[in-house]
Structure formats: C-alpha cells, structure tokens
Amino acid sequence: MNNTKNNSIELWHRYPVLLLLCLMMLSGCSAKPSTVMHSPINPVPHHLLLPCPSPDFTVRTWGEYPGYVARLHLALEKCNADKQAVATIMAPPA
C-alpha cells in the first residue's frame, strides 16, 4: 500500500513539469516573426486611370450624326479596353 501512495505522489510531481513544457512549446511558437508582404503602392499605370473623354458634340445636321455616333462608340471601346487592362493587372495571380 505504501508503494501505491509513493507512485501517486511522484505522478503529481510530474504535472508541473509537463505543464511548463507545454507552456514553453507554446511560447516558442509565438516568438516566430511574421512575414510581411510588400505590394507596390500603385501597380496600375497612370494612363489607365485617366477619365475617358467623350468626343465633342459638333453635329449641325442629320448627316453628321452617324459620324458622331461612330466616334462615341470608338471612345466607349477604348474606355472598356482600359478598364479590362486594369482588371487584368489587379487580378490575383493563378
């Protein structure tokens, strides 16, 4: 009976050691420096961020109107191409 009592006492003396060991292992993980990823401040070229100009409205007759509509359509296509280029630059790498 005395032997069993000594074993239980020895077991209780081991718990603080195990607890300290676990705490030391956990504190070792917190000391790892974090990795900081630096990204460029403005990765998009400036000319892609400019507002899209629309052509001046210089239509005086109905015959000049189809040319004006064609210029508007061209300006819209150019603006959409710029926005697509920005979306391609800002997309995360695959």
PDB file of N, CA and C in Angstrom:
ATOM      1  N   MET A   1       0.818  -1.187   0.000  1.00  0.00           N
ATOM      2  CA  MET A   1       0.000   0.000   0.000  1.00  0.00           C
ATOM      3  C   MET A   1       0.861   1.248   0.000  1.00  0.00           C
ATOM      4  N   ASN A   2       1.938   1.173   0.677  1.00  0.00           N
ATOM      5  CA  ASN A   2       2.838   2.302   0.747  1.00  0.00           C
ATOM      6  C   ASN A   2       3.437   2.607  -0.629  1.00  0.00           C
ATOM      7  N   ASN A   3       3.694   1.578  -1.435  1.00  0.00           N
ATOM      8  CA  ASN A   3       4.247   1.740  -2.774  1.00  0.00           C
ATOM      9  C   ASN A   3       3.280   2.487  -3.688  1.00  0.00           C
ATOM     10  N   THR A   4       1.990   2.220  -3.580  1.00  0.00           N
ATOM     11  CA  THR A   4       0.980   2.896  -4.387  1.00  0.00           C
ATOM     12  C   THR A   4       0.900   4.366  -4.024  1.00  0.00           C
ATOM     13  N   LYS A   5       1.027   4.670  -2.765  1.00  0.00           N
ATOM     14  CA  LYS A   5       0.982   6.057  -2.321  1.00  0.00           C
ATOM     15  C   LYS A   5       2.179   6.838  -2.858  1.00  0.00           C
ATOM     16  N   ASN A   6       3.337   6.232  -2.891  1.00  0.00           N
ATOM     17  CA  ASN A   6       4.528   6.884  -3.425  1.00  0.00           C
ATOM     18  C   ASN A   6       4.396   7.122  -4.932  1.00  0.00           C
ATOM     19  N   ASN A   7       3.805   6.179  -5.634  1.00  0.00           N
ATOM     20  CA  ASN A   7       3.610   6.359  -7.073  1.00  0.00           C
ATOM     21  C   ASN A   7       2.671   7.525  -7.371  1.00  0.00           C
ATOM     22  N   SER A   8       1.614   7.668  -6.581  1.00  0.00           N
ATOM     23  CA  SER A   8       0.689   8.774  -6.818  1.00  0.00           C
ATOM     24  C   SER A   8       1.342  10.106  -6.491  1.00  0.00           C
ATOM     25  N   ILE A   9       2.199  10.135  -5.497  1.00  0.00           N
ATOM     26  CA  ILE A   9       2.908  11.374  -5.167  1.00  0.00           C
ATOM     27  C   ILE A   9       3.881  11.729  -6.285  1.00  0.00           C
ATOM     28  N   GLU A  10       4.594  10.750  -6.804  1.00  0.00           N
ATOM     29  CA  GLU A  10       5.522  11.007  -7.902  1.00  0.00           C
ATOM     30  C   GLU A  10       4.785  11.492  -9.155  1.00  0.00           C
ATOM     31  N   LEU A  11       3.590  10.979  -9.363  1.00  0.00           N
ATOM     32  CA  LEU A  11       2.801  11.398 -10.519  1.00  0.00           C
ATOM     33  C   LEU A  11       2.413  12.865 -10.406  1.00  0.00           C
ATOM     34  N   TRP A  12       2.068  13.313  -9.220  1.00  0.00           N
ATOM     35  CA  TRP A  12       1.700  14.715  -9.024  1.00  0.00           C
ATOM     36  C   TRP A  12       2.904  15.631  -9.173  1.00  0.00           C
ATOM     37  N   HIS A  13       4.066  15.148  -8.923  1.00  0.00           N
ATOM     38  CA  HIS A  13       5.261  15.963  -9.094  1.00  0.00           C
ATOM     39  C   HIS A  13       5.608  16.127 -10.575  1.00  0.00           C
ATOM     40  N   ARG A  14       5.123  15.246 -11.415  1.00  0.00           N
ATOM     41  CA  ARG A  14       5.418  15.328 -12.850  1.00  0.00           C
ATOM     42  C   ARG A  14       4.521  16.337 -13.563  1.00  0.00           C
ATOM     43  N   TYR A  15       3.336  16.600 -13.064  1.00  0.00           N
ATOM     44  CA  TYR A  15       2.413  17.509 -13.740  1.00  0.00           C
ATOM     45  C   TYR A  15       2.966  18.920 -13.927  1.00  0.00           C
ATOM     46  N   PRO A  16       3.576  19.531 -12.937  1.00  0.00           N
ATOM     47  CA  PRO A  16       4.125  20.872 -13.183  1.00  0.00           C
ATOM     48  C   PRO A  16       5.189  20.870 -14.275  1.00  0.00           C
ATOM     49  N   VAL A  17       5.954  19.811 -14.339  1.00  0.00           N
ATOM     50  CA  VAL A  17       6.985  19.721 -15.370  1.00  0.00           C
ATOM     51  C   VAL A  17       6.336  19.630 -16.751  1.00  0.00           C
ATOM     52  N   LEU A  18       5.294  18.806 -16.866  1.00  0.00           N
ATOM     53  CA  LEU A  18       4.596  18.702 -18.155  1.00  0.00           C
ATOM     54  C   LEU A  18       3.917  20.007 -18.524  1.00  0.00           C
ATOM     55  N   LEU A  19       3.321  20.672 -17.535  1.00  0.00           N
ATOM     56  CA  LEU A  19       2.669  21.950 -17.789  1.00  0.00           C
ATOM     57  C   LEU A  19       3.679  22.992 -18.255  1.00  0.00           C
ATOM     58  N   LEU A  20       4.806  23.070 -17.598  1.00  0.00           N
ATOM     59  CA  LEU A  20       5.839  24.019 -18.012  1.00  0.00           C
ATOM     60  C   LEU A  20       6.376  23.687 -19.397  1.00  0.00           C
ATOM     61  N   LEU A  21       6.513  22.423 -19.694  1.00  0.00           N
ATOM     62  CA  LEU A  21       6.986  22.022 -21.013  1.00  0.00           C
ATOM     63  C   LEU A  21       6.003  22.461 -22.101  1.00  0.00           C
ATOM     64  N   CYS A  22       4.724  22.263 -21.858  1.00  0.00           N
ATOM     65  CA  CYS A  22       3.705  22.697 -22.836  1.00  0.00           C
ATOM     66  C   CYS A  22       3.712  24.214 -23.010  1.00  0.00           C
ATOM     67  N   LEU A  23       3.820  24.944 -21.906  1.00  0.00           N
ATOM     68  CA  LEU A  23       3.855  26.407 -21.993  1.00  0.00           C
ATOM     69  C   LEU A  23       5.090  26.898 -22.728  1.00  0.00           C
ATOM     70  N   MET A  24       6.207  26.248 -22.519  1.00  0.00           N
ATOM     71  CA  MET A  24       7.422  26.637 -23.236  1.00  0.00           C
ATOM     72  C   MET A  24       7.275  26.385 -24.730  1.00  0.00           C
ATOM     73  N   MET A  25       6.627  25.273 -25.085  1.00  0.00           N
ATOM     74  CA  MET A  25       6.435  24.977 -26.505  1.00  0.00           C
ATOM     75  C   MET A  25       5.494  25.992 -27.142  1.00  0.00           C
ATOM     76  N   LEU A  26       4.440  26.372 -26.444  1.00  0.00           N
ATOM     77  CA  LEU A  26       3.508  27.352 -26.983  1.00  0.00           C
ATOM     78  C   LEU A  26       4.136  28.732 -27.099  1.00  0.00           C
ATOM     79  N   SER A  27       4.946  29.119 -26.146  1.00  0.00           N
ATOM     80  CA  SER A  27       5.579  30.432 -26.223  1.00  0.00           C
ATOM     81  C   SER A  27       6.631  30.459 -27.322  1.00  0.00           C
ATOM     82  N   GLY A  28       7.194  29.324 -27.650  1.00  0.00           N
ATOM     83  CA  GLY A  28       8.154  29.270 -28.755  1.00  0.00           C
ATOM     84  C   GLY A  28       7.488  29.548 -30.082  1.00  0.00           C
ATOM     85  N   CYS A  29       6.245  29.160 -30.237  1.00  0.00           N
ATOM     86  CA  CYS A  29       5.522  29.421 -31.484  1.00  0.00           C
ATOM     87  C   CYS A  29       5.198  30.893 -31.634  1.00  0.00           C
ATOM     88  N   SER A  30       4.954  31.585 -30.529  1.00  0.00           N
ATOM     89  CA  SER A  30       4.572  32.989 -30.619  1.00  0.00           C
ATOM     90  C   SER A  30       5.759  33.892 -30.927  1.00  0.00           C
ATOM     91  N   ALA A  31       6.966  33.408 -30.745  1.00  0.00           N
ATOM     92  CA  ALA A  31       8.137  34.227 -30.990  1.00  0.00           C
ATOM     93  C   ALA A  31       8.558  34.232 -32.457  1.00  0.00           C
ATOM     94  N   LYS A  32       7.878  33.461 -33.285  1.00  0.00           N
ATOM     95  CA  LYS A  32       8.231  33.410 -34.700  1.00  0.00           C
ATOM     96  C   LYS A  32       7.855  34.728 -35.378  1.00  0.00           C
ATOM     97  N   PRO A  33       8.780  35.376 -36.067  1.00  0.00           N
ATOM     98  CA  PRO A  33       8.443  36.646 -36.715  1.00  0.00           C
ATOM     99  C   PRO A  33       7.478  36.427 -37.875  1.00  0.00           C
ATOM    100  N   SER A  34       6.564  37.353 -38.011  1.00  0.00           N
ATOM    101  CA  SER A  34       5.608  37.246 -39.107  1.00  0.00           C
ATOM    102  C   SER A  34       6.232  37.780 -40.387  1.00  0.00           C
ATOM    103  N   THR A  35       5.814  37.227 -41.491  1.00  0.00           N
ATOM    104  CA  THR A  35       6.323  37.642 -42.789  1.00  0.00           C
ATOM    105  C   THR A  35       5.396  38.709 -43.357  1.00  0.00           C
ATOM    106  N   VAL A  36       5.964  39.841 -43.735  1.00  0.00           N
ATOM    107  CA  VAL A  36       5.185  40.944 -44.277  1.00  0.00           C
ATOM    108  C   VAL A  36       5.413  40.995 -45.779  1.00  0.00           C
ATOM    109  N   MET A  37       4.322  40.972 -46.530  1.00  0.00           N
ATOM    110  CA  MET A  37       4.410  41.077 -47.980  1.00  0.00           C
ATOM    111  C   MET A  37       4.202  42.537 -48.388  1.00  0.00           C
ATOM    112  N   HIS A  38       5.176  43.095 -49.069  1.00  0.00           N
ATOM    113  CA  HIS A  38       5.063  44.473 -49.534  1.00  0.00           C
ATOM    114  C   HIS A  38       4.540  44.461 -50.966  1.00  0.00           C
ATOM    115  N   SER A  39       3.521  45.266 -51.190  1.00  0.00           N
ATOM    116  CA  SER A  39       2.985  45.382 -52.537  1.00  0.00           C
ATOM    117  C   SER A  39       3.269  46.782 -53.048  1.00  0.00           C
ATOM    118  N   PRO A  40       3.340  46.933 -54.352  1.00  0.00           N
ATOM    119  CA  PRO A  40       3.585  48.267 -54.895  1.00  0.00           C
ATOM    120  C   PRO A  40       2.450  49.209 -54.504  1.00  0.00           C
ATOM    121  N   ILE A  41       2.790  50.479 -54.331  1.00  0.00           N
ATOM    122  CA  ILE A  41       1.797  51.463 -53.918  1.00  0.00           C
ATOM    123  C   ILE A  41       0.737  51.632 -54.997  1.00  0.00           C
ATOM    124  N   ASN A  42       1.135  51.773 -56.239  1.00  0.00           N
ATOM    125  CA  ASN A  42       0.192  51.958 -57.337  1.00  0.00           C
ATOM    126  C   ASN A  42       0.642  51.089 -58.512  1.00  0.00           C
ATOM    127  N   PRO A  43       0.190  49.842 -58.583  1.00  0.00           N
ATOM    128  CA  PRO A  43       0.663  48.959 -59.637  1.00  0.00           C
ATOM    129  C   PRO A  43       0.028  49.243 -60.993  1.00  0.00           C
ATOM    130  N   VAL A  44      -1.002  50.082 -61.041  1.00  0.00           N
ATOM    131  CA  VAL A  44      -1.697  50.365 -62.299  1.00  0.00           C
ATOM    132  C   VAL A  44      -1.063  51.594 -62.943  1.00  0.00           C
ATOM    133  N   PRO A  45      -0.705  51.524 -64.218  1.00  0.00           N
ATOM    134  CA  PRO A  45      -0.135  52.700 -64.896  1.00  0.00           C
ATOM    135  C   PRO A  45      -1.110  53.877 -64.881  1.00  0.00           C
ATOM    136  N   HIS A  46      -0.548  55.065 -64.809  1.00  0.00           N
ATOM    137  CA  HIS A  46      -1.359  56.282 -64.682  1.00  0.00           C
ATOM    138  C   HIS A  46      -2.291  56.490 -65.877  1.00  0.00           C
ATOM    139  N   HIS A  47      -1.846  56.155 -67.066  1.00  0.00           N
ATOM    140  CA  HIS A  47      -2.673  56.426 -68.237  1.00  0.00           C
ATOM    141  C   HIS A  47      -3.934  55.559 -68.265  1.00  0.00           C
ATOM    142  N   LEU A  48      -3.937  54.454 -67.526  1.00  0.00           N
ATOM    143  CA  LEU A  48      -5.143  53.628 -67.457  1.00  0.00           C
ATOM    144  C   LEU A  48      -6.160  54.164 -66.457  1.00  0.00           C
ATOM    145  N   LEU A  49      -5.732  55.078 -65.595  1.00  0.00           N
ATOM    146  CA  LEU A  49      -6.624  55.633 -64.578  1.00  0.00           C
ATOM    147  C   LEU A  49      -7.245  56.963 -64.988  1.00  0.00           C
ATOM    148  N   LEU A  50      -6.842  57.493 -66.116  1.00  0.00           N
ATOM    149  CA  LEU A  50      -7.400  58.766 -66.572  1.00  0.00           C
ATOM    150  C   LEU A  50      -8.860  58.590 -66.991  1.00  0.00           C
ATOM    151  N   PRO A  51      -9.684  59.634 -66.818  1.00  0.00           N
ATOM    152  CA  PRO A  51     -11.076  59.530 -67.260  1.00  0.00           C
ATOM    153  C   PRO A  51     -11.157  59.425 -68.780  1.00  0.00           C
ATOM    154  N   CYS A  52     -12.188  58.744 -69.229  1.00  0.00           N
ATOM    155  CA  CYS A  52     -12.386  58.542 -70.666  1.00  0.00           C
ATOM    156  C   CYS A  52     -13.070  59.773 -71.263  1.00  0.00           C
ATOM    157  N   PRO A  53     -12.401  60.450 -72.181  1.00  0.00           N
ATOM    158  CA  PRO A  53     -13.024  61.643 -72.780  1.00  0.00           C
ATOM    159  C   PRO A  53     -14.048  61.242 -73.839  1.00  0.00           C
ATOM    160  N   SER A  54     -15.092  62.019 -73.911  1.00  0.00           N
ATOM    161  CA  SER A  54     -16.075  61.793 -74.979  1.00  0.00           C
ATOM    162  C   SER A  54     -15.833  62.831 -76.072  1.00  0.00           C
ATOM    163  N   PRO A  55     -16.125  62.481 -77.311  1.00  0.00           N
ATOM    164  CA  PRO A  55     -15.904  63.444 -78.394  1.00  0.00           C
ATOM    165  C   PRO A  55     -16.866  64.629 -78.264  1.00  0.00           C
ATOM    166  N   ASP A  56     -16.394  65.774 -78.734  1.00  0.00           N
ATOM    167  CA  ASP A  56     -17.235  66.981 -78.691  1.00  0.00           C
ATOM    168  C   ASP A  56     -18.447  66.810 -79.597  1.00  0.00           C
ATOM    169  N   PHE A  57     -19.572  67.359 -79.142  1.00  0.00           N
ATOM    170  CA  PHE A  57     -20.797  67.296 -79.935  1.00  0.00           C
ATOM    171  C   PHE A  57     -20.801  68.473 -80.905  1.00  0.00           C
ATOM    172  N   THR A  58     -20.416  68.178 -82.137  1.00  0.00           N
ATOM    173  CA  THR A  58     -20.340  69.222 -83.174  1.00  0.00           C
ATOM    174  C   THR A  58     -21.327  68.948 -84.293  1.00  0.00           C
ATOM    175  N   VAL A  59     -22.382  68.213 -84.009  1.00  0.00           N
ATOM    176  CA  VAL A  59     -23.356  67.842 -85.033  1.00  0.00           C
ATOM    177  C   VAL A  59     -24.254  69.043 -85.319  1.00  0.00           C
ATOM    178  N   ARG A  60     -24.316  69.433 -86.619  1.00  0.00           N
ATOM    179  CA  ARG A  60     -25.192  70.536 -87.023  1.00  0.00           C
ATOM    180  C   ARG A  60     -26.300  70.048 -87.953  1.00  0.00           C
ATOM    181  N   THR A  61     -26.024  68.929 -88.595  1.00  0.00           N
ATOM    182  CA  THR A  61     -27.041  68.380 -89.494  1.00  0.00           C
ATOM    183  C   THR A  61     -27.211  66.900 -89.190  1.00  0.00           C
ATOM    184  N   TRP A  62     -28.315  66.348 -89.711  1.00  0.00           N
ATOM    185  CA  TRP A  62     -28.556  64.920 -89.517  1.00  0.00           C
ATOM    186  C   TRP A  62     -27.492  64.069 -90.209  1.00  0.00           C
ATOM    187  N   GLY A  63     -26.882  64.555 -91.222  1.00  0.00           N
ATOM    188  CA  GLY A  63     -25.868  63.792 -91.943  1.00  0.00           C
ATOM    189  C   GLY A  63     -24.584  63.621 -91.144  1.00  0.00           C
ATOM    190  N   GLU A  64     -24.314  64.546 -90.220  1.00  0.00           N
ATOM    191  CA  GLU A  64     -23.108  64.446 -89.388  1.00  0.00           C
ATOM    192  C   GLU A  64     -23.316  63.519 -88.185  1.00  0.00           C
ATOM    193  N   TYR A  65     -24.552  63.175 -87.913  1.00  0.00           N
ATOM    194  CA  TYR A  65     -24.847  62.384 -86.725  1.00  0.00           C
ATOM    195  C   TYR A  65     -24.252  60.975 -86.763  1.00  0.00           C
ATOM    196  N   PRO A  66     -24.301  60.223 -87.864  1.00  0.00           N
ATOM    197  CA  PRO A  66     -23.687  58.879 -87.854  1.00  0.00           C
ATOM    198  C   PRO A  66     -22.179  58.905 -87.555  1.00  0.00           C
ATOM    199  N   GLY A  67     -21.471  59.911 -88.017  1.00  0.00           N
ATOM    200  CA  GLY A  67     -20.039  60.036 -87.715  1.00  0.00           C
ATOM    201  C   GLY A  67     -19.810  60.270 -86.220  1.00  0.00           C
ATOM    202  N   TYR A  68     -20.694  61.074 -85.618  1.00  0.00           N
ATOM    203  CA  TYR A  68     -20.582  61.344 -84.189  1.00  0.00           C
ATOM    204  C   TYR A  68     -20.848  60.066 -83.371  1.00  0.00           C
ATOM    205  N   VAL A  69     -21.850  59.298 -83.797  1.00  0.00           N
ATOM    206  CA  VAL A  69     -22.152  58.050 -83.104  1.00  0.00           C
ATOM    207  C   VAL A  69     -20.971  57.087 -83.224  1.00  0.00           C
ATOM    208  N   ALA A  70     -20.315  57.038 -84.363  1.00  0.00           N
ATOM    209  CA  ALA A  70     -19.144  56.176 -84.537  1.00  0.00           C
ATOM    210  C   ALA A  70     -18.009  56.612 -83.614  1.00  0.00           C
ATOM    211  N   ARG A  71     -17.797  57.921 -83.468  1.00  0.00           N
ATOM    212  CA  ARG A  71     -16.754  58.409 -82.552  1.00  0.00           C
ATOM    213  C   ARG A  71     -17.097  58.073 -81.091  1.00  0.00           C
ATOM    214  N   LEU A  72     -18.379  58.185 -80.737  1.00  0.00           N
ATOM    215  CA  LEU A  72     -18.791  57.805 -79.383  1.00  0.00           C
ATOM    216  C   LEU A  72     -18.542  56.313 -79.122  1.00  0.00           C
ATOM    217  N   HIS A  73     -18.881  55.499 -80.118  1.00  0.00           N
ATOM    218  CA  HIS A  73     -18.679  54.062 -79.992  1.00  0.00           C
ATOM    219  C   HIS A  73     -17.188  53.735 -79.844  1.00  0.00           C
ATOM    220  N   LEU A  74     -16.320  54.390 -80.594  1.00  0.00           N
ATOM    221  CA  LEU A  74     -14.877  54.179 -80.501  1.00  0.00           C
ATOM    222  C   LEU A  74     -14.347  54.590 -79.126  1.00  0.00           C
ATOM    223  N   ALA A  75     -14.850  55.726 -78.595  1.00  0.00           N
ATOM    224  CA  ALA A  75     -14.419  56.179 -77.264  1.00  0.00           C
ATOM    225  C   ALA A  75     -14.849  55.174 -76.192  1.00  0.00           C
ATOM    226  N   LEU A  76     -16.044  54.614 -76.334  1.00  0.00           N
ATOM    227  CA  LEU A  76     -16.526  53.621 -75.373  1.00  0.00           C
ATOM    228  C   LEU A  76     -15.681  52.340 -75.433  1.00  0.00           C
ATOM    229  N   GLU A  77     -15.328  51.901 -76.622  1.00  0.00           N
ATOM    230  CA  GLU A  77     -14.484  50.709 -76.749  1.00  0.00           C
ATOM    231  C   GLU A  77     -13.106  50.920 -76.131  1.00  0.00           C
ATOM    232  N   LYS A  78     -12.532  52.114 -76.340  1.00  0.00           N
ATOM    233  CA  LYS A  78     -11.213  52.415 -75.762  1.00  0.00           C
ATOM    234  C   LYS A  78     -11.297  52.443 -74.235  1.00  0.00           C
ATOM    235  N   CYS A  79     -12.359  53.011 -73.705  1.00  0.00           N
ATOM    236  CA  CYS A  79     -12.523  53.072 -72.255  1.00  0.00           C
ATOM    237  C   CYS A  79     -12.686  51.661 -71.679  1.00  0.00           C
ATOM    238  N   ASN A  80     -13.457  50.825 -72.347  1.00  0.00           N
ATOM    239  CA  ASN A  80     -13.626  49.453 -71.881  1.00  0.00           C
ATOM    240  C   ASN A  80     -12.313  48.676 -71.945  1.00  0.00           C
ATOM    241  N   ALA A  81     -11.490  48.939 -72.950  1.00  0.00           N
ATOM    242  CA  ALA A  81     -10.184  48.274 -73.050  1.00  0.00           C
ATOM    243  C   ALA A  81      -9.287  48.695 -71.889  1.00  0.00           C
ATOM    244  N   ASP A  82      -9.329  49.986 -71.516  1.00  0.00           N
ATOM    245  CA  ASP A  82      -8.542  50.452 -70.372  1.00  0.00           C
ATOM    246  C   ASP A  82      -8.998  49.772 -69.087  1.00  0.00           C
ATOM    247  N   LYS A  83     -10.294  49.672 -68.905  1.00  0.00           N
ATOM    248  CA  LYS A  83     -10.817  49.043 -67.682  1.00  0.00           C
ATOM    249  C   LYS A  83     -10.480  47.550 -67.650  1.00  0.00           C
ATOM    250  N   GLN A  84     -10.471  46.901 -68.775  1.00  0.00           N
ATOM    251  CA  GLN A  84     -10.088  45.493 -68.837  1.00  0.00           C
ATOM    252  C   GLN A  84      -8.608  45.323 -68.492  1.00  0.00           C
ATOM    253  N   ALA A  85      -7.773  46.269 -68.935  1.00  0.00           N
ATOM    254  CA  ALA A  85      -6.347  46.219 -68.603  1.00  0.00           C
ATOM    255  C   ALA A  85      -6.138  46.391 -67.099  1.00  0.00           C
ATOM    256  N   VAL A  86      -6.898  47.289 -66.476  1.00  0.00           N
ATOM    257  CA  VAL A  86      -6.798  47.479 -65.026  1.00  0.00           C
ATOM    258  C   VAL A  86      -7.231  46.206 -64.305  1.00  0.00           C
ATOM    259  N   ALA A  87      -8.320  45.589 -64.753  1.00  0.00           N
ATOM    260  CA  ALA A  87      -8.792  44.348 -64.125  1.00  0.00           C
ATOM    261  C   ALA A  87      -7.759  43.231 -64.267  1.00  0.00           C
ATOM    262  N   THR A  88      -7.055  43.178 -65.394  1.00  0.00           N
ATOM    263  CA  THR A  88      -6.026  42.164 -65.595  1.00  0.00           C
ATOM    264  C   THR A  88      -4.846  42.399 -64.656  1.00  0.00           C
ATOM    265  N   ILE A  89      -4.476  43.654 -64.469  1.00  0.00           N
ATOM    266  CA  ILE A  89      -3.350  43.976 -63.572  1.00  0.00           C
ATOM    267  C   ILE A  89      -3.711  43.688 -62.121  1.00  0.00           C
ATOM    268  N   MET A  90      -4.932  43.994 -61.736  1.00  0.00           N
ATOM    269  CA  MET A  90      -5.346  43.843 -60.337  1.00  0.00           C
ATOM    270  C   MET A  90      -5.747  42.417 -59.979  1.00  0.00           C
ATOM    271  N   ALA A  91      -5.920  41.536 -60.973  1.00  0.00           N
ATOM    272  CA  ALA A  91      -6.340  40.162 -60.703  1.00  0.00           C
ATOM    273  C   ALA A  91      -5.223  39.424 -59.972  1.00  0.00           C
ATOM    274  N   PRO A  92      -5.576  38.613 -58.973  1.00  0.00           N
ATOM    275  CA  PRO A  92      -4.534  37.848 -58.269  1.00  0.00           C
ATOM    276  C   PRO A  92      -3.932  36.789 -59.190  1.00  0.00           C
ATOM    277  N   PRO A  93      -2.651  36.514 -59.009  1.00  0.00           N
ATOM    278  CA  PRO A  93      -2.009  35.503 -59.858  1.00  0.00           C
ATOM    279  C   PRO A  93      -2.599  34.125 -59.591  1.00  0.00           C
ATOM    280  N   ALA A  94      -2.697  33.332 -60.641  1.00  0.00           N
ATOM    281  CA  ALA A  94      -3.295  31.994 -60.509  1.00  0.00           C
ATOM    282  C   ALA A  94      -2.278  30.990 -60.042  1.00  0.00           C
TER     283      ALA A  94
END
